[in-house]
PDB file of N, CA and C in Angstrom:
ATOM      1  N   MET A   1      18.128-150.679 191.900  1.00  0.00           N
ATOM      2  CA  MET A   1      17.214-150.893 193.387  1.00  0.00           C
ATOM      3  C   MET A   1      16.599-149.723 193.920  1.00  0.00           C
ATOM      4  N   ASP A   2      15.246-150.260 194.218  1.00  0.00           N
ATOM      5  CA  ASP A   2      14.285-148.948 194.834  1.00  0.00           C
ATOM      6  C   ASP A   2      15.080-148.821 196.266  1.00  0.00           C
ATOM      7  N   TYR A   3      13.946-148.255 197.243  1.00  0.00           N
ATOM      8  CA  TYR A   3      14.039-147.956 198.644  1.00  0.00           C
ATOM      9  C   TYR A   3      13.629-149.336 199.031  1.00  0.00           C
ATOM     10  N   GLN A   4      14.029-149.216 200.122  1.00  0.00           N
ATOM     11  CA  GLN A   4      13.964-151.011 200.326  1.00  0.00           C
ATOM     12  C   GLN A   4      13.467-150.419 202.202  1.00  0.00           C
ATOM     13  N   GLY A   5      12.554-149.299 202.218  1.00  0.00           N
ATOM     14  CA  GLY A   5      12.201-149.109 203.346  1.00  0.00           C
ATOM     15  C   GLY A   5      11.084-149.578 203.698  1.00  0.00           C
ATOM     16  N   MET A   6      10.138-149.277 205.177  1.00  0.00           N
ATOM     17  CA  MET A   6       8.976-149.602 205.202  1.00  0.00           C
ATOM     18  C   MET A   6       7.303-148.802 204.420  1.00  0.00           C
ATOM     19  N   GLU A   7       7.052-149.888 203.682  1.00  0.00           N
ATOM     20  CA  GLU A   7       5.560-148.990 203.149  1.00  0.00           C
ATOM     21  C   GLU A   7       4.865-148.080 204.382  1.00  0.00           C
ATOM     22  N   LYS A   8       4.639-146.961 203.947  1.00  0.00           N
ATOM     23  CA  LYS A   8       3.784-146.978 204.697  1.00  0.00           C
ATOM     24  C   LYS A   8       2.430-145.593 203.659  1.00  0.00           C
ATOM     25  N   ARG A   9       2.411-146.437 203.325  1.00  0.00           N
ATOM     26  CA  ARG A   9       0.927-145.510 201.782  1.00  0.00           C
ATOM     27  C   ARG A   9       0.077-146.108 202.306  1.00  0.00           C
ATOM     28  N   ARG A  10      -0.916-144.395 201.884  1.00  0.00           N
ATOM     29  CA  ARG A  10      -2.197-144.758 202.176  1.00  0.00           C
ATOM     30  C   ARG A  10      -2.808-144.770 200.845  1.00  0.00           C
ATOM     31  N   PHE A  11      -1.914-144.184 199.536  1.00  0.00           N
ATOM     32  CA  PHE A  11      -2.919-144.165 198.409  1.00  0.00           C
ATOM     33  C   PHE A  11      -2.016-145.530 197.366  1.00  0.00           C
ATOM     34  N   VAL A  12      -2.520-146.174 197.082  1.00  0.00           N
ATOM     35  CA  VAL A  12      -1.805-146.922 195.794  1.00  0.00           C
ATOM     36  C   VAL A  12      -1.323-146.271 194.790  1.00  0.00           C
ATOM     37  N   ARG A  13      -0.246-146.167 194.572  1.00  0.00           N
ATOM     38  CA  ARG A  13       0.743-145.766 193.401  1.00  0.00           C
ATOM     39  C   ARG A  13       0.841-146.539 192.231  1.00  0.00           C
ATOM     40  N   ALA A  14       1.460-145.725 191.349  1.00  0.00           N
ATOM     41  CA  ALA A  14       1.588-146.169 189.742  1.00  0.00           C
ATOM     42  C   ALA A  14       2.450-145.756 188.800  1.00  0.00           C
ATOM     43  N   LYS A  15       3.544-146.862 188.569  1.00  0.00           N
ATOM     44  CA  LYS A  15       5.187-146.316 187.673  1.00  0.00           C
ATOM     45  C   LYS A  15       3.851-145.742 186.174  1.00  0.00           C
ATOM     46  N   PHE A  16       4.018-144.248 186.585  1.00  0.00           N
ATOM     47  CA  PHE A  16       3.828-143.699 185.178  1.00  0.00           C
ATOM     48  C   PHE A  16       4.518-142.044 184.743  1.00  0.00           C
ATOM     49  N   PRO A  17       5.388-142.108 184.436  1.00  0.00           N
ATOM     50  CA  PRO A  17       6.570-141.408 183.977  1.00  0.00           C
ATOM     51  C   PRO A  17       5.306-139.634 183.207  1.00  0.00           C
ATOM     52  N   CYS A  18       4.942-139.403 184.291  1.00  0.00           N
ATOM     53  CA  CYS A  18       4.392-137.586 183.759  1.00  0.00           C
ATOM     54  C   CYS A  18       5.694-136.674 183.729  1.00  0.00           C
ATOM     55  N   SER A  19       5.182-135.433 183.338  1.00  0.00           N
ATOM     56  CA  SER A  19       5.938-134.338 183.596  1.00  0.00           C
ATOM     57  C   SER A  19       5.788-133.718 184.720  1.00  0.00           C
ATOM     58  N   ILE A  20       7.244-132.970 185.011  1.00  0.00           N
ATOM     59  CA  ILE A  20       6.672-132.705 186.437  1.00  0.00           C
ATOM     60  C   ILE A  20       7.304-131.200 186.843  1.00  0.00           C
ATOM     61  N   SER A  21       7.209-129.944 187.436  1.00  0.00           N
ATOM     62  CA  SER A  21       8.556-129.339 187.512  1.00  0.00           C
ATOM     63  C   SER A  21       8.188-128.748 189.156  1.00  0.00           C
ATOM     64  N   ILE A  22       8.941-128.870 189.121  1.00  0.00           N
ATOM     65  CA  ILE A  22       9.849-128.641 190.493  1.00  0.00           C
ATOM     66  C   ILE A  22      10.062-127.465 190.904  1.00  0.00           C
ATOM     67  N   HIS A  23       9.352-126.165 191.965  1.00  0.00           N
ATOM     68  CA  HIS A  23       9.882-125.136 192.424  1.00  0.00           C
ATOM     69  C   HIS A  23      10.394-124.686 193.068  1.00  0.00           C
ATOM     70  N   THR A  24      11.728-124.334 193.379  1.00  0.00           N
ATOM     71  CA  THR A  24      12.622-125.157 194.732  1.00  0.00           C
ATOM     72  C   THR A  24      12.397-123.753 195.828  1.00  0.00           C
ATOM     73  N   LEU A  25      12.537-123.899 197.007  1.00  0.00           N
ATOM     74  CA  LEU A  25      12.624-122.650 197.872  1.00  0.00           C
ATOM     75  C   LEU A  25      13.900-121.341 197.334  1.00  0.00           C
ATOM     76  N   HIS A  26      14.643-121.925 196.051  1.00  0.00           N
ATOM     77  CA  HIS A  26      15.946-120.743 195.871  1.00  0.00           C
ATOM     78  C   HIS A  26      15.793-119.951 194.015  1.00  0.00           C
ATOM     79  N   GLU A  27      13.870-120.420 194.158  1.00  0.00           N
ATOM     80  CA  GLU A  27      13.353-119.970 192.562  1.00  0.00           C
ATOM     81  C   GLU A  27      13.983-120.724 191.747  1.00  0.00           C
ATOM     82  N   HIS A  28      14.665-121.613 191.745  1.00  0.00           N
ATOM     83  CA  HIS A  28      14.703-122.398 190.440  1.00  0.00           C
ATOM     84  C   HIS A  28      14.018-123.293 190.726  1.00  0.00           C
ATOM     85  N   ILE A  29      13.874-123.736 188.693  1.00  0.00           N
ATOM     86  CA  ILE A  29      12.791-125.038 188.765  1.00  0.00           C
ATOM     87  C   ILE A  29      13.898-125.781 188.217  1.00  0.00           C
ATOM     88  N   ILE A  30      13.410-127.251 188.874  1.00  0.00           N
ATOM     89  CA  ILE A  30      13.872-128.569 188.263  1.00  0.00           C
ATOM     90  C   ILE A  30      12.873-128.988 187.409  1.00  0.00           C
ATOM     91  N   THR A  31      12.943-129.712 186.214  1.00  0.00           N
ATOM     92  CA  THR A  31      11.769-130.138 185.617  1.00  0.00           C
ATOM     93  C   THR A  31      12.440-131.448 185.324  1.00  0.00           C
ATOM     94  N   THR A  32      11.320-132.684 185.134  1.00  0.00           N
ATOM     95  CA  THR A  32      11.708-133.743 184.664  1.00  0.00           C
ATOM     96  C   THR A  32      10.578-134.593 185.137  1.00  0.00           C
ATOM     97  N   TYR A  33      10.590-135.665 184.867  1.00  0.00           N
ATOM     98  CA  TYR A  33       9.394-136.930 184.950  1.00  0.00           C
ATOM     99  C   TYR A  33       9.364-137.785 186.181  1.00  0.00           C
ATOM    100  N   THR A  34       8.184-138.205 186.961  1.00  0.00           N
ATOM    101  CA  THR A  34       7.871-138.703 187.673  1.00  0.00           C
ATOM    102  C   THR A  34       8.767-140.215 187.953  1.00  0.00           C
ATOM    103  N   GLU A  35       8.990-141.131 188.961  1.00  0.00           N
ATOM    104  CA  GLU A  35       9.185-142.140 188.502  1.00  0.00           C
ATOM    105  C   GLU A  35       7.628-143.388 188.924  1.00  0.00           C
ATOM    106  N   ASN A  36       7.080-142.647 189.709  1.00  0.00           N
ATOM    107  CA  ASN A  36       6.102-143.095 190.267  1.00  0.00           C
ATOM    108  C   ASN A  36       5.116-142.183 190.870  1.00  0.00           C
ATOM    109  N   ILE A  37       3.930-142.112 190.709  1.00  0.00           N
ATOM    110  CA  ILE A  37       2.608-141.263 191.822  1.00  0.00           C
ATOM    111  C   ILE A  37       1.453-141.710 192.133  1.00  0.00           C
ATOM    112  N   SER A  38       0.918-141.428 193.109  1.00  0.00           N
ATOM    113  CA  SER A  38      -0.372-141.455 193.852  1.00  0.00           C
ATOM    114  C   SER A  38      -0.853-140.412 194.234  1.00  0.00           C
ATOM    115  N   ALA A  39      -2.042-140.407 194.642  1.00  0.00           N
ATOM    116  CA  ALA A  39      -2.914-139.584 194.617  1.00  0.00           C
ATOM    117  C   ALA A  39      -1.995-138.302 196.050  1.00  0.00           C
ATOM    118  N   GLY A  40      -1.156-139.153 197.152  1.00  0.00           N
ATOM    119  CA  GLY A  40      -0.568-138.386 197.836  1.00  0.00           C
ATOM    120  C   GLY A  40       0.760-138.312 197.684  1.00  0.00           C
ATOM    121  N   GLY A  41       1.243-138.396 196.162  1.00  0.00           N
ATOM    122  CA  GLY A  41       2.893-137.580 196.036  1.00  0.00           C
ATOM    123  C   GLY A  41       3.133-138.550 195.081  1.00  0.00           C
ATOM    124  N   VAL A  42       4.654-137.779 194.915  1.00  0.00           N
ATOM    125  CA  VAL A  42       5.812-138.360 193.689  1.00  0.00           C
ATOM    126  C   VAL A  42       6.981-138.670 193.915  1.00  0.00           C
ATOM    127  N   ARG A  43       7.418-139.995 193.381  1.00  0.00           N
ATOM    128  CA  ARG A  43       8.720-140.185 193.289  1.00  0.00           C
ATOM    129  C   ARG A  43       9.648-139.279 192.128  1.00  0.00           C
ATOM    130  N   VAL A  44      10.819-138.987 192.339  1.00  0.00           N
ATOM    131  CA  VAL A  44      11.689-138.474 191.422  1.00  0.00           C
ATOM    132  C   VAL A  44      12.413-138.855 191.380  1.00  0.00           C
ATOM    133  N   ILE A  45      14.287-138.804 190.316  1.00  0.00           N
ATOM    134  CA  ILE A  45      14.978-139.007 190.547  1.00  0.00           C
ATOM    135  C   ILE A  45      15.585-137.533 189.634  1.00  0.00           C
ATOM    136  N   ILE A  46      16.718-136.666 190.699  1.00  0.00           N
ATOM    137  CA  ILE A  46      16.401-135.640 190.113  1.00  0.00           C
ATOM    138  C   ILE A  46      18.107-135.668 190.582  1.00  0.00           C
ATOM    139  N   GLU A  47      19.197-134.560 189.889  1.00  0.00           N
ATOM    140  CA  GLU A  47      20.270-134.615 190.717  1.00  0.00           C
ATOM    141  C   GLU A  47      20.932-133.177 191.058  1.00  0.00           C
ATOM    142  N   GLU A  48      20.042-132.689 191.418  1.00  0.00           N
ATOM    143  CA  GLU A  48      19.796-131.594 192.902  1.00  0.00           C
ATOM    144  C   GLU A  48      19.255-132.509 194.424  1.00  0.00           C
ATOM    145  N   LYS A  49      19.857-132.002 195.073  1.00  0.00           N
ATOM    146  CA  LYS A  49      19.494-132.546 196.552  1.00  0.00           C
ATOM    147  C   LYS A  49      18.859-131.351 197.442  1.00  0.00           C
ATOM    148  N   LEU A  50      17.799-132.076 196.966  1.00  0.00           N
ATOM    149  CA  LEU A  50      16.606-130.619 198.405  1.00  0.00           C
ATOM    150  C   LEU A  50      16.486-131.389 200.085  1.00  0.00           C
ATOM    151  N   GLU A  51      16.438-130.949 200.476  1.00  0.00           N
ATOM    152  CA  GLU A  51      16.381-130.643 201.696  1.00  0.00           C
ATOM    153  C   GLU A  51      15.311-131.265 202.568  1.00  0.00           C
ATOM    154  N   MET A  52      15.830-132.242 203.415  1.00  0.00           N
ATOM    155  CA  MET A  52      14.539-132.882 203.463  1.00  0.00           C
ATOM    156  C   MET A  52      13.088-131.806 204.786  1.00  0.00           C
ATOM    157  N   SER A  53      12.261-132.212 204.714  1.00  0.00           N
ATOM    158  CA  SER A  53      10.818-131.516 205.089  1.00  0.00           C
ATOM    159  C   SER A  53      10.673-129.849 204.628  1.00  0.00           C
ATOM    160  N   SER A  54      11.584-129.756 203.562  1.00  0.00           N
ATOM    161  CA  SER A  54      11.673-128.489 202.716  1.00  0.00           C
ATOM    162  C   SER A  54      10.583-128.391 202.269  1.00  0.00           C
ATOM    163  N   THR A  55       9.928-127.293 200.983  1.00  0.00           N
ATOM    164  CA  THR A  55       8.411-127.214 200.639  1.00  0.00           C
ATOM    165  C   THR A  55       8.765-127.092 199.397  1.00  0.00           C
ATOM    166  N   VAL A  56       8.222-127.172 198.120  1.00  0.00           N
ATOM    167  CA  VAL A  56       8.668-126.946 197.023  1.00  0.00           C
ATOM    168  C   VAL A  56       7.055-127.102 196.018  1.00  0.00           C
ATOM    169  N   GLY A  57       7.201-125.619 194.692  1.00  0.00           N
ATOM    170  CA  GLY A  57       5.980-126.162 194.312  1.00  0.00           C
ATOM    171  C   GLY A  57       5.732-127.185 193.118  1.00  0.00           C
ATOM    172  N   LEU A  58       4.521-127.535 193.227  1.00  0.00           N
ATOM    173  CA  LEU A  58       4.988-128.534 191.589  1.00  0.00           C
ATOM    174  C   LEU A  58       3.667-128.201 190.440  1.00  0.00           C
ATOM    175  N   GLU A  59       4.759-128.701 189.315  1.00  0.00           N
ATOM    176  CA  GLU A  59       3.451-128.586 188.231  1.00  0.00           C
ATOM    177  C   GLU A  59       3.454-129.993 187.732  1.00  0.00           C
ATOM    178  N   VAL A  60       2.223-130.643 188.103  1.00  0.00           N
ATOM    179  CA  VAL A  60       2.026-132.187 187.405  1.00  0.00           C
ATOM    180  C   VAL A  60       1.109-132.671 186.364  1.00  0.00           C
ATOM    181  N   GLN A  61       1.804-132.856 184.907  1.00  0.00           N
ATOM    182  CA  GLN A  61       1.007-133.161 183.643  1.00  0.00           C
ATOM    183  C   GLN A  61       0.408-134.317 184.025  1.00  0.00           C
ATOM    184  N   ILE A  62      -0.949-133.760 184.000  1.00  0.00           N
ATOM    185  CA  ILE A  62      -1.609-136.100 183.970  1.00  0.00           C
ATOM    186  C   ILE A  62      -2.294-135.783 182.914  1.00  0.00           C
ATOM    187  N   ASN A  63      -2.203-136.669 181.400  1.00  0.00           N
ATOM    188  CA  ASN A  63      -2.865-136.686 180.812  1.00  0.00           C
ATOM    189  C   ASN A  63      -2.700-135.015 180.188  1.00  0.00           C
ATOM    190  N   LYS A  64      -4.073-134.543 180.075  1.00  0.00           N
ATOM    191  CA  LYS A  64      -4.131-133.015 179.785  1.00  0.00           C
ATOM    192  C   LYS A  64      -4.124-132.368 180.212  1.00  0.00           C
ATOM    193  N   ASN A  65      -4.198-132.127 181.619  1.00  0.00           N
ATOM    194  CA  ASN A  65      -4.554-131.218 183.426  1.00  0.00           C
ATOM    195  C   ASN A  65      -3.320-131.186 183.833  1.00  0.00           C
ATOM    196  N   ILE A  66      -2.955-130.162 184.328  1.00  0.00           N
ATOM    197  CA  ILE A  66      -2.216-129.222 184.837  1.00  0.00           C
ATOM    198  C   ILE A  66      -2.013-129.246 185.633  1.00  0.00           C
ATOM    199  N   ILE A  67      -1.421-130.136 187.007  1.00  0.00           N
ATOM    200  CA  ILE A  67      -2.128-130.067 188.847  1.00  0.00           C
ATOM    201  C   ILE A  67      -0.901-129.049 189.315  1.00  0.00           C
ATOM    202  N   VAL A  68      -1.877-128.356 189.921  1.00  0.00           N
ATOM    203  CA  VAL A  68      -0.458-127.111 190.727  1.00  0.00           C
ATOM    204  C   VAL A  68      -0.734-127.620 192.179  1.00  0.00           C
ATOM    205  N   CYS A  69       0.225-127.838 192.515  1.00  0.00           N
ATOM    206  CA  CYS A  69       0.076-127.575 194.543  1.00  0.00           C
ATOM    207  C   CYS A  69       1.044-127.349 194.931  1.00  0.00           C
ATOM    208  N   LYS A  70       1.493-127.604 196.105  1.00  0.00           N
ATOM    209  CA  LYS A  70       2.833-127.776 197.202  1.00  0.00           C
ATOM    210  C   LYS A  70       3.247-129.183 197.292  1.00  0.00           C
ATOM    211  N   GLY A  71       4.475-129.343 197.461  1.00  0.00           N
ATOM    212  CA  GLY A  71       4.633-130.506 198.033  1.00  0.00           C
ATOM    213  C   GLY A  71       5.558-130.575 199.162  1.00  0.00           C
ATOM    214  N   ARG A  72       6.359-131.567 199.817  1.00  0.00           N
ATOM    215  CA  ARG A  72       7.084-131.446 201.509  1.00  0.00           C
ATOM    216  C   ARG A  72       8.187-132.331 200.795  1.00  0.00           C
ATOM    217  N   ILE A  73       9.039-132.372 200.763  1.00  0.00           N
ATOM    218  CA  ILE A  73      10.157-133.413 200.695  1.00  0.00           C
ATOM    219  C   ILE A  73      10.007-134.106 202.023  1.00  0.00           C
ATOM    220  N   VAL A  74       9.636-135.776 201.504  1.00  0.00           N
ATOM    221  CA  VAL A  74      10.230-136.415 203.033  1.00  0.00           C
ATOM    222  C   VAL A  74      10.679-137.344 203.193  1.00  0.00           C
ATOM    223  N   TRP A  75      11.458-137.529 201.862  1.00  0.00           N
ATOM    224  CA  TRP A  75      12.531-138.600 201.693  1.00  0.00           C
ATOM    225  C   TRP A  75      13.394-138.523 200.750  1.00  0.00           C
ATOM    226  N   VAL A  76      14.849-138.757 201.153  1.00  0.00           N
ATOM    227  CA  VAL A  76      15.909-138.805 199.895  1.00  0.00           C
ATOM    228  C   VAL A  76      16.418-139.704 199.858  1.00  0.00           C
ATOM    229  N   VAL A  77      17.034-140.547 199.022  1.00  0.00           N
ATOM    230  CA  VAL A  77      18.137-141.801 198.992  1.00  0.00           C
ATOM    231  C   VAL A  77      19.344-141.359 198.592  1.00  0.00           C
ATOM    232  N   ASP A  78      20.615-140.543 198.397  1.00  0.00           N
ATOM    233  CA  ASP A  78      21.358-140.388 197.260  1.00  0.00           C
ATOM    234  C   ASP A  78      22.043-142.229 196.948  1.00  0.00           C
ATOM    235  N   ARG A  79      22.336-142.371 195.875  1.00  0.00           N
ATOM    236  CA  ARG A  79      22.402-142.883 194.719  1.00  0.00           C
ATOM    237  C   ARG A  79      22.919-142.610 193.753  1.00  0.00           C
ATOM    238  N   GLU A  80      24.393-143.620 193.432  1.00  0.00           N
ATOM    239  CA  GLU A  80      25.403-143.359 192.096  1.00  0.00           C
ATOM    240  C   GLU A  80      25.163-143.749 191.304  1.00  0.00           C
ATOM    241  N   SER A  81      25.617-142.959 189.919  1.00  0.00           N
ATOM    242  CA  SER A  81      24.887-143.758 188.631  1.00  0.00           C
ATOM    243  C   SER A  81      25.526-144.952 188.284  1.00  0.00           C
ATOM    244  N   PRO A  82      24.886-145.802 187.822  1.00  0.00           N
ATOM    245  CA  PRO A  82      25.004-147.228 186.979  1.00  0.00           C
ATOM    246  C   PRO A  82      26.111-147.146 185.943  1.00  0.00           C
ATOM    247  N   TYR A  83      25.772-145.339 185.357  1.00  0.00           N
ATOM    248  CA  TYR A  83      26.299-144.859 183.799  1.00  0.00           C
ATOM    249  C   TYR A  83      27.388-144.103 183.991  1.00  0.00           C
ATOM    250  N   LYS A  84      27.913-143.935 185.191  1.00  0.00           N
ATOM    251  CA  LYS A  84      29.049-142.696 185.025  1.00  0.00           C
ATOM    252  C   LYS A  84      29.704-142.510 186.573  1.00  0.00           C
ATOM    253  N   LYS A  85      30.553-143.113 186.495  1.00  0.00           N
ATOM    254  CA  LYS A  85      31.338-143.147 188.046  1.00  0.00           C
ATOM    255  C   LYS A  85      31.608-142.005 188.536  1.00  0.00           C
ATOM    256  N   GLY A  86      31.066-141.667 189.827  1.00  0.00           N
ATOM    257  CA  GLY A  86      31.206-140.609 190.063  1.00  0.00           C
ATOM    258  C   GLY A  86      29.692-139.488 190.259  1.00  0.00           C
ATOM    259  N   LEU A  87      29.258-139.925 189.387  1.00  0.00           N
ATOM    260  CA  LEU A  87      27.829-138.916 189.252  1.00  0.00           C
ATOM    261  C   LEU A  87      27.120-139.760 190.135  1.00  0.00           C
ATOM    262  N   ARG A  88      26.173-138.702 191.166  1.00  0.00           N
ATOM    263  CA  ARG A  88      25.520-138.876 192.136  1.00  0.00           C
ATOM    264  C   ARG A  88      24.053-138.389 191.986  1.00  0.00           C
ATOM    265  N   TYR A  89      23.193-139.276 191.879  1.00  0.00           N
ATOM    266  CA  TYR A  89      21.539-138.465 192.089  1.00  0.00           C
ATOM    267  C   TYR A  89      20.262-138.969 193.425  1.00  0.00           C
ATOM    268  N   HIS A  90      20.053-137.852 193.317  1.00  0.00           N
ATOM    269  CA  HIS A  90      18.784-138.194 194.329  1.00  0.00           C
ATOM    270  C   HIS A  90      17.725-138.715 193.881  1.00  0.00           C
ATOM    271  N   ASP A  91      17.086-140.126 194.764  1.00  0.00           N
ATOM    272  CA  ASP A  91      16.137-140.795 194.429  1.00  0.00           C
ATOM    273  C   ASP A  91      14.895-140.208 195.930  1.00  0.00           C
ATOM    274  N   THR A  92      14.050-138.724 195.362  1.00  0.00           N
ATOM    275  CA  THR A  92      13.372-138.081 196.419  1.00  0.00           C
ATOM    276  C   THR A  92      11.977-138.666 196.208  1.00  0.00           C
ATOM    277  N   GLY A  93      11.334-138.611 197.470  1.00  0.00           N
ATOM    278  CA  GLY A  93       9.472-138.726 197.352  1.00  0.00           C
ATOM    279  C   GLY A  93       9.095-137.496 198.153  1.00  0.00           C
ATOM    280  N   ILE A  94       8.283-136.759 197.338  1.00  0.00           N
ATOM    281  CA  ILE A  94       7.360-135.851 197.689  1.00  0.00           C
ATOM    282  C   ILE A  94       6.119-136.048 197.573  1.00  0.00           C
ATOM    283  N   GLU A  95       5.788-135.418 198.993  1.00  0.00           N
ATOM    284  CA  GLU A  95       4.388-135.549 199.978  1.00  0.00           C
ATOM    285  C   GLU A  95       3.638-134.554 199.408  1.00  0.00           C
ATOM    286  N   PHE A  96       2.034-134.672 198.145  1.00  0.00           N
ATOM    287  CA  PHE A  96       1.150-133.599 197.876  1.00  0.00           C
ATOM    288  C   PHE A  96       0.321-133.142 199.461  1.00  0.00           C
ATOM    289  N   TYR A  97       0.742-131.630 199.860  1.00  0.00           N
ATOM    290  CA  TYR A  97      -0.117-131.202 200.473  1.00  0.00           C
ATOM    291  C   TYR A  97      -0.808-130.087 199.570  1.00  0.00           C
ATOM    292  N   GLU A  98      -1.366-128.884 200.545  1.00  0.00           N
ATOM    293  CA  GLU A  98      -2.525-127.870 199.792  1.00  0.00           C
ATOM    294  C   GLU A  98      -2.473-128.176 198.041  1.00  0.00           C
ATOM    295  N   ILE A  99      -3.154-129.358 197.898  1.00  0.00           N
ATOM    296  CA  ILE A  99      -3.369-129.586 196.746  1.00  0.00           C
ATOM    297  C   ILE A  99      -5.380-129.534 196.708  1.00  0.00           C
ATOM    298  N   ASN A 100      -6.025-129.812 195.710  1.00  0.00           N
ATOM    299  CA  ASN A 100      -7.331-129.366 195.528  1.00  0.00           C
ATOM    300  C   ASN A 100      -7.523-130.604 195.466  1.00  0.00           C
ATOM    301  N   GLU A 101      -8.745-130.940 196.199  1.00  0.00           N
ATOM    302  CA  GLU A 101      -9.480-132.458 196.236  1.00  0.00           C
ATOM    303  C   GLU A 101      -9.805-132.698 194.466  1.00  0.00           C
ATOM    304  N   ASN A 102      -9.835-131.873 193.686  1.00  0.00           N
ATOM    305  CA  ASN A 102     -10.792-131.978 192.221  1.00  0.00           C
ATOM    306  C   ASN A 102      -8.940-133.030 191.817  1.00  0.00           C
ATOM    307  N   ASP A 103      -8.152-131.978 191.833  1.00  0.00           N
ATOM    308  CA  ASP A 103      -7.084-132.435 191.466  1.00  0.00           C
ATOM    309  C   ASP A 103      -6.491-133.811 192.131  1.00  0.00           C
ATOM    310  N   ARG A 104      -6.897-134.276 193.061  1.00  0.00           N
ATOM    311  CA  ARG A 104      -6.260-135.333 193.986  1.00  0.00           C
ATOM    312  C   ARG A 104      -7.047-136.187 193.112  1.00  0.00           C
ATOM    313  N   ARG A 105      -8.796-136.002 192.949  1.00  0.00           N
ATOM    314  CA  ARG A 105      -9.223-137.127 192.160  1.00  0.00           C
ATOM    315  C   ARG A 105      -8.528-137.632 190.739  1.00  0.00           C
ATOM    316  N   VAL A 106      -8.071-136.856 189.983  1.00  0.00           N
ATOM    317  CA  VAL A 106      -7.583-136.563 188.731  1.00  0.00           C
ATOM    318  C   VAL A 106      -6.541-137.434 188.867  1.00  0.00           C
ATOM    319  N   ILE A 107      -5.750-137.039 189.304  1.00  0.00           N
ATOM    320  CA  ILE A 107      -4.581-138.189 190.108  1.00  0.00           C
ATOM    321  C   ILE A 107      -5.466-139.619 190.278  1.00  0.00           C
ATOM    322  N   ASN A 108      -6.059-139.778 190.894  1.00  0.00           N
ATOM    323  CA  ASN A 108      -6.433-141.545 191.575  1.00  0.00           C
ATOM    324  C   ASN A 108      -6.934-141.563 190.226  1.00  0.00           C
ATOM    325  N   ASP A 109      -8.063-141.362 189.452  1.00  0.00           N
ATOM    326  CA  ASP A 109      -8.791-141.800 187.991  1.00  0.00           C
ATOM    327  C   ASP A 109      -7.415-142.707 187.323  1.00  0.00           C
ATOM    328  N   ALA A 110      -6.244-141.679 187.369  1.00  0.00           N
ATOM    329  CA  ALA A 110      -5.624-141.694 185.985  1.00  0.00           C
ATOM    330  C   ALA A 110      -4.908-142.825 186.157  1.00  0.00           C
ATOM    331  N   ILE A 111      -4.614-143.004 187.813  1.00  0.00           N
ATOM    332  CA  ILE A 111      -3.379-144.460 188.601  1.00  0.00           C
ATOM    333  C   ILE A 111      -4.407-145.648 188.140  1.00  0.00           C
ATOM    334  N   GLU A 112      -6.252-145.584 189.153  1.00  0.00           N
ATOM    335  CA  GLU A 112      -6.812-146.242 188.918  1.00  0.00           C
ATOM    336  C   GLU A 112      -6.973-147.157 187.005  1.00  0.00           C
ATOM    337  N   GLU A 113      -6.700-146.112 186.202  1.00  0.00           N
ATOM    338  CA  GLU A 113      -6.840-146.015 184.505  1.00  0.00           C
ATOM    339  C   GLU A 113      -6.011-147.064 184.014  1.00  0.00           C
ATOM    340  N   ILE A 114      -4.810-146.825 184.701  1.00  0.00           N
ATOM    341  CA  ILE A 114      -3.310-147.447 184.470  1.00  0.00           C
ATOM    342  C   ILE A 114      -3.128-148.481 184.885  1.00  0.00           C
ATOM    343  N   LEU A 115      -3.716-148.392 186.119  1.00  0.00           N
ATOM    344  CA  LEU A 115      -3.648-149.851 186.858  1.00  0.00           C
ATOM    345  C   LEU A 115      -4.549-151.412 186.206  1.00  0.00           C
ATOM    346  N   LYS A 116      -6.256-150.750 185.837  1.00  0.00           N
ATOM    347  CA  LYS A 116      -6.598-151.514 184.842  1.00  0.00           C
ATOM    348  C   LYS A 116      -6.070-151.845 183.463  1.00  0.00           C
ATOM    349  N   CYS A 117      -5.068-150.898 183.270  1.00  0.00           N
ATOM    350  CA  CYS A 117      -4.862-151.889 182.060  1.00  0.00           C
ATOM    351  C   CYS A 117      -3.439-152.390 181.736  1.00  0.00           C
ATOM    352  N   GLU A 118      -2.531-152.585 182.976  1.00  0.00           N
ATOM    353  CA  GLU A 118      -2.005-153.768 183.427  1.00  0.00           C
ATOM    354  C   GLU A 118      -2.491-154.961 183.630  1.00  0.00           C
ATOM    355  N   LYS A 119      -3.696-155.023 184.405  1.00  0.00           N
ATOM    356  CA  LYS A 119      -3.980-156.261 184.984  1.00  0.00           C
ATOM    357  C   LYS A 119      -4.103-156.844 183.439  1.00  0.00           C
TER     358      LYS A 119
END
């Protein structure tokens, strides 16, 4: 079940599982894949709960491009795993900031290509 809150998005998003490394405040790196992405941010599902409004470093691989920027945790929804009783995970929204406009354009171009192929 996806987050059912009100949509406040400024950017079009696409379901696109690209590799992402999240560098936390405690110098810990979480490596996973995105659930969806937009030029404004990403949604990831991770085991570690990140603190709301905290800042993280991000490395996102879009095709052959590595996007390096900072992100801010804007929402976290705790979920129970449908596969293993008692296992919790965290559906997490991360907003991009301190991102180069060329990098934002790379993300947006990739999203437009994905959406064009889905039609």
